[in-house]
Amino acid sequence: MDNSHFAAQAMILAAGRGQRMRPLTDTCPKPLLPVRGKPLLRWHSDALAASGFTQQLINAGWLHEQIAAYISENFGDISALNLPEQLSKDKRLVALSDEAADFGEALETLGGIARALPQLADVFWVVAGDIYAPAFSFSQADYAAFAASPALAHVFLVPNPEHNSRGDFCINADGQLRVIDAMPQGAETYTFSTIALYKRAFFAQPECGIAAGNPQGVAAPLAPLLRHAASQNLISASVYQGAWMDVGTPERLAALNAA
């Protein structure tokens, strides 16, 4: 089948081991753990689809067979779709980037995005499959405004949770992302929500260092690239004030399901 018309407008990160969530993640990938009636990653997939972002990609690493089975059972096998026909319908298309099947391990965030880049649109959302932000709006207006802006990335920050009280980043007066050390002492700090908009060009910078498609299977974190790009005025930022949680431990998961 001709899949050349597929270009995911969103990527859900679901490849990590979830060490802090053990023993639950010994037998279940963290993004498939149930929160209030459905798997964590499904909250994002549903919200994206509701906003019209129906072409999605999910990566897999740890217990990758379960991620692959979930996609197949719930969204169908994209490789069997005649995409030019499906694109005219209101149907969610979900592709899989199976890093463990391809390379034997997860490629971390930057490595995973680089691996998926040939299947991603020129502008795309990225969200970690292990956070809970049920009211976040994957807004078409935000998508369009970012696409028209000079920024190569736009990140959504949240007020610092107890487990990250120092924060990750600041925002300057021009709405640009800044590392904490680059701001005056006492500047308000925030935590990276893991929700962001990116342009493909962001990952084409020489500083990225990984070719599109990541043919060598290089595992690399995203944070160093974010920090460098912030110093070059390439990233805009805004603060999301809605409910948000990094569901990183069994205790946080239990608290969510008990509420």
C-alpha atoms as a PDB file:
ATOM      1  CA  MET A   1       0.000   0.000   0.000  1.00  0.00           C
ATOM      2  CA  ASP A   2       1.057   3.580  -0.615  1.00  0.00           C
ATOM      3  CA  ASN A   3       1.624   5.181   2.797  1.00  0.00           C
ATOM      4  CA  SER A   4       3.298   8.267   1.370  1.00  0.00           C
ATOM      5  CA  HIS A   5       0.343  10.447   2.375  1.00  0.00           C
ATOM      6  CA  PHE A   6       0.817   9.689   6.069  1.00  0.00           C
ATOM      7  CA  ALA A   7       2.442  12.519   8.021  1.00  0.00           C
ATOM      8  CA  ALA A   8       1.692  12.376  11.722  1.00  0.00           C
ATOM      9  CA  GLN A   9       0.682  15.666  13.308  1.00  0.00           C
ATOM     10  CA  ALA A  10       1.494  14.276  16.753  1.00  0.00           C
ATOM     11  CA  MET A  11       3.882  11.856  18.427  1.00  0.00           C
ATOM     12  CA  ILE A  12       3.131  10.180  21.760  1.00  0.00           C
ATOM     13  CA  LEU A  13       6.256   9.005  23.570  1.00  0.00           C
ATOM     14  CA  ALA A  14       5.742   5.518  24.966  1.00  0.00           C
ATOM     15  CA  ALA A  15       9.129   3.798  24.783  1.00  0.00           C
ATOM     16  CA  GLY A  16      10.597   4.278  28.269  1.00  0.00           C
ATOM     17  CA  ARG A  17      11.243   1.626  30.905  1.00  0.00           C
ATOM     18  CA  GLY A  18       9.429   3.387  33.745  1.00  0.00           C
ATOM     19  CA  GLN A  19      11.878   2.379  36.467  1.00  0.00           C
ATOM     20  CA  ARG A  20      10.249   4.493  39.179  1.00  0.00           C
ATOM     21  CA  MET A  21       6.917   2.830  38.485  1.00  0.00           C
ATOM     22  CA  ARG A  22       8.180  -0.669  39.181  1.00  0.00           C
ATOM     23  CA  PRO A  23       6.913  -3.272  39.904  1.00  0.00           C
ATOM     24  CA  LEU A  24       3.861  -2.218  37.846  1.00  0.00           C
ATOM     25  CA  THR A  25       6.002  -1.637  34.769  1.00  0.00           C
ATOM     26  CA  ASP A  26       7.689  -5.022  35.024  1.00  0.00           C
ATOM     27  CA  THR A  27       4.710  -6.428  33.132  1.00  0.00           C
ATOM     28  CA  CYS A  28       2.998  -3.378  31.586  1.00  0.00           C
ATOM     29  CA  PRO A  29       4.430  -0.358  29.726  1.00  0.00           C
ATOM     30  CA  LYS A  30       3.827   2.752  31.810  1.00  0.00           C
ATOM     31  CA  PRO A  31       1.776   4.525  29.080  1.00  0.00           C
ATOM     32  CA  LEU A  32      -0.684   1.609  29.110  1.00  0.00           C
ATOM     33  CA  LEU A  33      -1.312   1.728  32.865  1.00  0.00           C
ATOM     34  CA  PRO A  34      -4.974   2.595  33.446  1.00  0.00           C
ATOM     35  CA  VAL A  35      -5.907   6.014  34.793  1.00  0.00           C
ATOM     36  CA  ARG A  36      -9.582   6.673  35.501  1.00  0.00           C
ATOM     37  CA  GLY A  37     -10.803   4.067  33.096  1.00  0.00           C
ATOM     38  CA  LYS A  38      -8.369   4.169  30.190  1.00  0.00           C
ATOM     39  CA  PRO A  39      -4.641   3.855  29.486  1.00  0.00           C
ATOM     40  CA  LEU A  40      -2.553   6.949  30.067  1.00  0.00           C
ATOM     41  CA  LEU A  41      -1.582   7.343  26.419  1.00  0.00           C
ATOM     42  CA  ARG A  42      -5.210   7.083  25.333  1.00  0.00           C
ATOM     43  CA  TRP A  43      -6.024  10.360  27.103  1.00  0.00           C
ATOM     44  CA  HIS A  44      -3.616  12.134  24.729  1.00  0.00           C
ATOM     45  CA  SER A  45      -4.660  10.208  21.629  1.00  0.00           C
ATOM     46  CA  ASP A  46      -8.336  10.979  22.247  1.00  0.00           C
ATOM     47  CA  ALA A  47      -7.688  14.674  22.963  1.00  0.00           C
ATOM     48  CA  LEU A  48      -5.569  15.033  19.834  1.00  0.00           C
ATOM     49  CA  ALA A  49      -8.187  13.326  17.675  1.00  0.00           C
ATOM     50  CA  ALA A  50     -10.957  15.472  19.165  1.00  0.00           C
ATOM     51  CA  SER A  51      -9.034  18.566  18.025  1.00  0.00           C
ATOM     52  CA  GLY A  52      -8.622  17.199  14.502  1.00  0.00           C
ATOM     53  CA  PHE A  53      -5.109  15.784  14.829  1.00  0.00           C
ATOM     54  CA  THR A  54      -6.080  12.351  13.608  1.00  0.00           C
ATOM     55  CA  GLN A  55      -2.723  11.228  12.203  1.00  0.00           C
ATOM     56  CA  GLN A  56      -0.659  10.112  15.157  1.00  0.00           C
ATOM     57  CA  LEU A  57       2.501   8.137  15.829  1.00  0.00           C
ATOM     58  CA  ILE A  58       3.435   6.234  18.986  1.00  0.00           C
ATOM     59  CA  ASN A  59       6.921   4.909  19.646  1.00  0.00           C
ATOM     60  CA  ALA A  60       7.670   1.739  21.584  1.00  0.00           C
ATOM     61  CA  GLY A  61      10.633   0.305  23.423  1.00  0.00           C
ATOM     62  CA  TRP A  62      10.080  -1.468  26.714  1.00  0.00           C
ATOM     63  CA  LEU A  63       7.478  -4.240  26.329  1.00  0.00           C
ATOM     64  CA  HIS A  64       7.028  -2.980  22.805  1.00  0.00           C
ATOM     65  CA  GLU A  65       4.850  -5.925  21.802  1.00  0.00           C
ATOM     66  CA  GLN A  66       2.110  -4.667  24.125  1.00  0.00           C
ATOM     67  CA  ILE A  67       2.187  -1.168  22.589  1.00  0.00           C
ATOM     68  CA  ALA A  68       2.033  -2.701  19.099  1.00  0.00           C
ATOM     69  CA  ALA A  69      -0.873  -4.946  20.094  1.00  0.00           C
ATOM     70  CA  TYR A  70      -2.776  -2.024  21.650  1.00  0.00           C
ATOM     71  CA  ILE A  71      -2.433   0.062  18.484  1.00  0.00           C
ATOM     72  CA  SER A  72      -3.486  -2.836  16.266  1.00  0.00           C
ATOM     73  CA  GLU A  73      -6.471  -3.770  18.422  1.00  0.00           C
ATOM     74  CA  ASN A  74      -7.749  -0.228  18.930  1.00  0.00           C
ATOM     75  CA  PHE A  75      -6.826   1.612  15.741  1.00  0.00           C
ATOM     76  CA  GLY A  76      -6.118  -1.044  13.136  1.00  0.00           C
ATOM     77  CA  ASP A  77      -3.027  -1.913  11.149  1.00  0.00           C
ATOM     78  CA  ILE A  78      -1.932   1.239   9.347  1.00  0.00           C
ATOM     79  CA  SER A  79       0.225  -0.756   6.947  1.00  0.00           C
ATOM     80  CA  ALA A  80      -2.974  -2.298   5.552  1.00  0.00           C
ATOM     81  CA  LEU A  81      -4.746   1.013   4.995  1.00  0.00           C
ATOM     82  CA  ASN A  82      -5.224   2.634   1.630  1.00  0.00           C
ATOM     83  CA  LEU A  83      -4.336   6.041   2.974  1.00  0.00           C
ATOM     84  CA  PRO A  84      -5.578   8.262   0.112  1.00  0.00           C
ATOM     85  CA  GLU A  85      -9.079   6.874   0.734  1.00  0.00           C
ATOM     86  CA  GLN A  86      -8.852   6.939   4.535  1.00  0.00           C
ATOM     87  CA  LEU A  87      -7.676  10.544   4.621  1.00  0.00           C
ATOM     88  CA  SER A  88     -11.046  11.726   3.323  1.00  0.00           C
ATOM     89  CA  LYS A  89     -12.791  10.210   6.358  1.00  0.00           C
ATOM     90  CA  ASP A  90     -12.877  11.170  10.025  1.00  0.00           C
ATOM     91  CA  LYS A  91     -10.737   8.206  11.042  1.00  0.00           C
ATOM     92  CA  ARG A  92      -7.806   8.161  13.434  1.00  0.00           C
ATOM     93  CA  LEU A  93      -4.636   6.775  11.881  1.00  0.00           C
ATOM     94  CA  VAL A  94      -2.007   5.644  14.382  1.00  0.00           C
ATOM     95  CA  ALA A  95       1.432   4.485  13.268  1.00  0.00           C
ATOM     96  CA  LEU A  96       4.032   2.665  15.349  1.00  0.00           C
ATOM     97  CA  SER A  97       7.749   3.429  15.562  1.00  0.00           C
ATOM     98  CA  ASP A  98       9.028   0.233  17.161  1.00  0.00           C
ATOM     99  CA  GLU A  99      12.493   1.088  18.431  1.00  0.00           C
ATOM    100  CA  ALA A 100      12.961  -2.176  20.316  1.00  0.00           C
ATOM    101  CA  ALA A 101      12.088  -4.252  17.258  1.00  0.00           C
ATOM    102  CA  ASP A 102      14.456  -2.194  15.099  1.00  0.00           C
ATOM    103  CA  PHE A 103      17.378  -1.719  17.488  1.00  0.00           C
ATOM    104  CA  GLY A 104      16.747  -3.841  20.574  1.00  0.00           C
ATOM    105  CA  GLU A 105      16.184  -0.883  22.899  1.00  0.00           C
ATOM    106  CA  ALA A 106      14.488   2.477  23.304  1.00  0.00           C
ATOM    107  CA  LEU A 107      16.345   5.428  21.771  1.00  0.00           C
ATOM    108  CA  GLU A 108      15.495   8.082  24.409  1.00  0.00           C
ATOM    109  CA  THR A 109      13.505  11.169  23.475  1.00  0.00           C
ATOM    110  CA  LEU A 110      15.711  12.840  20.851  1.00  0.00           C
ATOM    111  CA  GLY A 111      16.746   9.535  19.324  1.00  0.00           C
ATOM    112  CA  GLY A 112      13.125   8.428  19.174  1.00  0.00           C
ATOM    113  CA  ILE A 113      11.879  11.627  17.538  1.00  0.00           C
ATOM    114  CA  ALA A 114      14.713  11.506  15.008  1.00  0.00           C
ATOM    115  CA  ARG A 115      13.797   7.891  14.222  1.00  0.00           C
ATOM    116  CA  ALA A 116      10.168   8.863  13.598  1.00  0.00           C
ATOM    117  CA  LEU A 117      10.924  12.077  11.682  1.00  0.00           C
ATOM    118  CA  PRO A 118      10.251  10.659   8.170  1.00  0.00           C
ATOM    119  CA  GLN A 119       6.694   9.834   9.334  1.00  0.00           C
ATOM    120  CA  LEU A 120       6.041  13.214  10.951  1.00  0.00           C
ATOM    121  CA  ALA A 121       4.492  16.346   9.470  1.00  0.00           C
ATOM    122  CA  ASP A 122       6.419  19.594   9.030  1.00  0.00           C
ATOM    123  CA  VAL A 123       4.819  20.776  12.301  1.00  0.00           C
ATOM    124  CA  PHE A 124       3.880  18.274  14.988  1.00  0.00           C
ATOM    125  CA  TRP A 125       2.947  17.862  18.625  1.00  0.00           C
ATOM    126  CA  VAL A 126       4.996  15.719  21.013  1.00  0.00           C
ATOM    127  CA  VAL A 127       3.685  14.576  24.386  1.00  0.00           C
ATOM    128  CA  ALA A 128       4.957  12.000  26.829  1.00  0.00           C
ATOM    129  CA  GLY A 129       2.601   9.074  27.226  1.00  0.00           C
ATOM    130  CA  ASP A 130       3.114   8.960  30.986  1.00  0.00           C
ATOM    131  CA  ILE A 131       1.757  12.363  31.971  1.00  0.00           C
ATOM    132  CA  TYR A 132      -1.858  13.140  32.867  1.00  0.00           C
ATOM    133  CA  ALA A 133      -3.263  16.456  31.642  1.00  0.00           C
ATOM    134  CA  PRO A 134      -6.947  15.731  30.953  1.00  0.00           C
ATOM    135  CA  ALA A 135      -7.983  19.307  30.181  1.00  0.00           C
ATOM    136  CA  PHE A 136      -5.083  20.255  27.938  1.00  0.00           C
ATOM    137  CA  SER A 137      -6.305  21.460  24.558  1.00  0.00           C
ATOM    138  CA  PHE A 138      -4.219  20.478  21.559  1.00  0.00           C
ATOM    139  CA  SER A 139      -5.440  23.636  19.910  1.00  0.00           C
ATOM    140  CA  GLN A 140      -5.585  24.120  16.158  1.00  0.00           C
ATOM    141  CA  ALA A 141      -5.114  27.851  16.811  1.00  0.00           C
ATOM    142  CA  ASP A 142      -1.897  27.208  18.771  1.00  0.00           C
ATOM    143  CA  TYR A 143      -0.709  24.886  16.008  1.00  0.00           C
ATOM    144  CA  ALA A 144      -1.362  27.485  13.298  1.00  0.00           C
ATOM    145  CA  ALA A 145       0.160  30.352  15.278  1.00  0.00           C
ATOM    146  CA  PHE A 146       3.297  28.350  15.941  1.00  0.00           C
ATOM    147  CA  ALA A 147       3.554  27.275  12.299  1.00  0.00           C
ATOM    148  CA  ALA A 148       3.476  30.937  11.261  1.00  0.00           C
ATOM    149  CA  SER A 149       6.016  32.035  13.878  1.00  0.00           C
ATOM    150  CA  PRO A 150       9.813  32.143  13.510  1.00  0.00           C
ATOM    151  CA  ALA A 151      10.273  29.766  16.459  1.00  0.00           C
ATOM    152  CA  LEU A 152      11.387  26.213  15.757  1.00  0.00           C
ATOM    153  CA  ALA A 153       9.768  24.858  18.911  1.00  0.00           C
ATOM    154  CA  HIS A 154       7.124  25.935  21.397  1.00  0.00           C
ATOM    155  CA  VAL A 155       7.073  24.281  24.807  1.00  0.00           C
ATOM    156  CA  PHE A 156       4.338  24.270  27.409  1.00  0.00           C
ATOM    157  CA  LEU A 157       5.532  24.688  30.974  1.00  0.00           C
ATOM    158  CA  VAL A 158       3.645  24.037  34.204  1.00  0.00           C
ATOM    159  CA  PRO A 159       3.981  25.316  37.788  1.00  0.00           C
ATOM    160  CA  ASN A 160       6.605  23.300  39.608  1.00  0.00           C
ATOM    161  CA  PRO A 161       5.302  20.139  41.298  1.00  0.00           C
ATOM    162  CA  GLU A 162       6.703  19.069  44.674  1.00  0.00           C
ATOM    163  CA  HIS A 163       9.053  16.550  43.116  1.00  0.00           C
ATOM    164  CA  ASN A 164      10.669  19.220  40.888  1.00  0.00           C
ATOM    165  CA  SER A 165      10.563  22.322  43.045  1.00  0.00           C
ATOM    166  CA  ARG A 166      13.584  23.987  41.386  1.00  0.00           C
ATOM    167  CA  GLY A 167      11.982  23.798  37.951  1.00  0.00           C
ATOM    168  CA  ASP A 168      13.499  23.266  34.525  1.00  0.00           C
ATOM    169  CA  PHE A 169      13.192  26.546  32.629  1.00  0.00           C
ATOM    170  CA  CYS A 170      12.168  30.210  32.769  1.00  0.00           C
ATOM    171  CA  ILE A 171      10.419  32.457  30.244  1.00  0.00           C
ATOM    172  CA  ASN A 172      11.855  35.872  29.407  1.00  0.00           C
ATOM    173  CA  ALA A 173       9.852  39.031  28.752  1.00  0.00           C
ATOM    174  CA  ASP A 174       9.658  38.187  25.039  1.00  0.00           C
ATOM    175  CA  GLY A 175       8.053  34.812  25.670  1.00  0.00           C
ATOM    176  CA  GLN A 176      11.195  32.877  24.863  1.00  0.00           C
ATOM    177  CA  LEU A 177      12.414  29.819  26.726  1.00  0.00           C
ATOM    178  CA  ARG A 178      15.458  30.289  28.923  1.00  0.00           C
ATOM    179  CA  VAL A 179      17.493  27.959  31.074  1.00  0.00           C
ATOM    180  CA  ILE A 180      17.353  28.882  34.734  1.00  0.00           C
ATOM    181  CA  ASP A 181      21.018  29.889  34.959  1.00  0.00           C
ATOM    182  CA  ALA A 182      20.555  32.426  32.146  1.00  0.00           C
ATOM    183  CA  MET A 183      17.922  34.409  34.078  1.00  0.00           C
ATOM    184  CA  PRO A 184      18.338  36.852  36.971  1.00  0.00           C
ATOM    185  CA  GLN A 185      18.302  35.339  40.448  1.00  0.00           C
ATOM    186  CA  GLY A 186      14.753  35.062  41.721  1.00  0.00           C
ATOM    187  CA  ALA A 187      13.185  34.664  38.273  1.00  0.00           C
ATOM    188  CA  GLU A 188      10.111  32.458  38.302  1.00  0.00           C
ATOM    189  CA  THR A 189      10.832  28.925  37.226  1.00  0.00           C
ATOM    190  CA  TYR A 190       8.613  26.262  35.677  1.00  0.00           C
ATOM    191  CA  THR A 191       8.647  22.571  34.860  1.00  0.00           C
ATOM    192  CA  PHE A 192       8.599  21.250  31.306  1.00  0.00           C
ATOM    193  CA  SER A 193       5.223  19.566  30.849  1.00  0.00           C
ATOM    194  CA  THR A 194       6.675  17.352  28.058  1.00  0.00           C
ATOM    195  CA  ILE A 195       4.000  18.835  25.759  1.00  0.00           C
ATOM    196  CA  ALA A 196       5.486  20.790  22.875  1.00  0.00           C
ATOM    197  CA  LEU A 197       5.132  21.783  19.255  1.00  0.00           C
ATOM    198  CA  TYR A 198       8.090  21.276  16.943  1.00  0.00           C
ATOM    199  CA  LYS A 199       9.040  22.006  13.365  1.00  0.00           C
ATOM    200  CA  ARG A 200      11.016  19.399  11.477  1.00  0.00           C
ATOM    201  CA  ALA A 201      13.690  22.071  11.011  1.00  0.00           C
ATOM    202  CA  PHE A 202      14.362  21.968  14.747  1.00  0.00           C
ATOM    203  CA  PHE A 203      15.804  18.481  14.313  1.00  0.00           C
ATOM    204  CA  ALA A 204      17.691  19.393  11.142  1.00  0.00           C
ATOM    205  CA  GLN A 205      20.050  21.699  13.002  1.00  0.00           C
ATOM    206  CA  PRO A 206      23.688  20.615  12.976  1.00  0.00           C
ATOM    207  CA  GLU A 207      23.496  20.564  16.771  1.00  0.00           C
ATOM    208  CA  CYS A 208      20.987  17.710  16.651  1.00  0.00           C
ATOM    209  CA  GLY A 209      23.648  15.419  15.262  1.00  0.00           C
ATOM    210  CA  ILE A 210      21.253  12.634  14.237  1.00  0.00           C
ATOM    211  CA  ALA A 211      20.087  12.134  10.673  1.00  0.00           C
ATOM    212  CA  ALA A 212      16.353  11.984   9.976  1.00  0.00           C
ATOM    213  CA  GLY A 213      15.259   8.405  10.444  1.00  0.00           C
ATOM    214  CA  ASN A 214      18.129   7.745  12.873  1.00  0.00           C
ATOM    215  CA  PRO A 215      19.440   4.835  10.761  1.00  0.00           C
ATOM    216  CA  GLN A 216      22.175   4.039  13.285  1.00  0.00           C
ATOM    217  CA  GLY A 217      19.747   3.824  16.190  1.00  0.00           C
ATOM    218  CA  VAL A 218      21.499   6.500  18.243  1.00  0.00           C
ATOM    219  CA  ALA A 219      20.018   6.862  21.729  1.00  0.00           C
ATOM    220  CA  ALA A 220      20.067  10.489  22.871  1.00  0.00           C
ATOM    221  CA  PRO A 221      18.151  12.712  25.319  1.00  0.00           C
ATOM    222  CA  LEU A 222      16.292  15.840  24.214  1.00  0.00           C
ATOM    223  CA  ALA A 223      17.214  18.153  27.098  1.00  0.00           C
ATOM    224  CA  PRO A 224      20.675  19.231  25.810  1.00  0.00           C
ATOM    225  CA  LEU A 225      19.205  20.240  22.454  1.00  0.00           C
ATOM    226  CA  LEU A 226      16.410  22.181  24.167  1.00  0.00           C
ATOM    227  CA  ARG A 227      18.901  24.043  26.342  1.00  0.00           C
ATOM    228  CA  HIS A 228      21.137  24.906  23.389  1.00  0.00           C
ATOM    229  CA  ALA A 229      18.223  26.023  21.200  1.00  0.00           C
ATOM    230  CA  ALA A 230      16.877  28.172  24.056  1.00  0.00           C
ATOM    231  CA  SER A 231      20.205  30.013  24.157  1.00  0.00           C
ATOM    232  CA  GLN A 232      19.804  30.733  20.426  1.00  0.00           C
ATOM    233  CA  ASN A 233      16.293  32.244  20.787  1.00  0.00           C
ATOM    234  CA  LEU A 234      14.743  29.382  18.826  1.00  0.00           C
ATOM    235  CA  ILE A 235      12.090  28.281  21.344  1.00  0.00           C
ATOM    236  CA  SER A 236       8.972  30.101  22.492  1.00  0.00           C
ATOM    237  CA  ALA A 237       7.126  29.066  25.628  1.00  0.00           C
ATOM    238  CA  SER A 238       3.898  29.464  27.546  1.00  0.00           C
ATOM    239  CA  VAL A 239       2.546  28.288  30.893  1.00  0.00           C
ATOM    240  CA  TYR A 240      -0.285  25.784  31.183  1.00  0.00           C
ATOM    241  CA  GLN A 241      -2.169  26.221  34.454  1.00  0.00           C
ATOM    242  CA  GLY A 242      -4.529  23.254  34.216  1.00  0.00           C
ATOM    243  CA  ALA A 243      -4.350  19.924  36.014  1.00  0.00           C
ATOM    244  CA  TRP A 244      -1.105  18.130  35.203  1.00  0.00           C
ATOM    245  CA  MET A 245       0.780  15.241  36.726  1.00  0.00           C
ATOM    246  CA  ASP A 246       3.873  13.271  35.891  1.00  0.00           C
ATOM    247  CA  VAL A 247       2.517   9.834  36.755  1.00  0.00           C
ATOM    248  CA  GLY A 248       5.949   8.589  37.711  1.00  0.00           C
ATOM    249  CA  THR A 249       5.368   6.426  40.778  1.00  0.00           C
ATOM    250  CA  PRO A 250       2.815   3.861  41.959  1.00  0.00           C
ATOM    251  CA  GLU A 251       1.778   6.300  44.681  1.00  0.00           C
ATOM    252  CA  ARG A 252       0.891   9.062  42.183  1.00  0.00           C
ATOM    253  CA  LEU A 253      -0.998   6.568  40.031  1.00  0.00           C
ATOM    254  CA  ALA A 254      -2.947   5.336  43.045  1.00  0.00           C
ATOM    255  CA  ALA A 255      -3.780   8.903  44.083  1.00  0.00           C
ATOM    256  CA  LEU A 256      -5.144   9.700  40.629  1.00  0.00           C
ATOM    257  CA  ASN A 257      -7.313   6.595  40.556  1.00  0.00           C
ATOM    258  CA  ALA A 258      -8.583   7.193  44.085  1.00  0.00           C
ATOM    259  CA  ALA A 259      -9.669  10.785  43.434  1.00  0.00           C
END
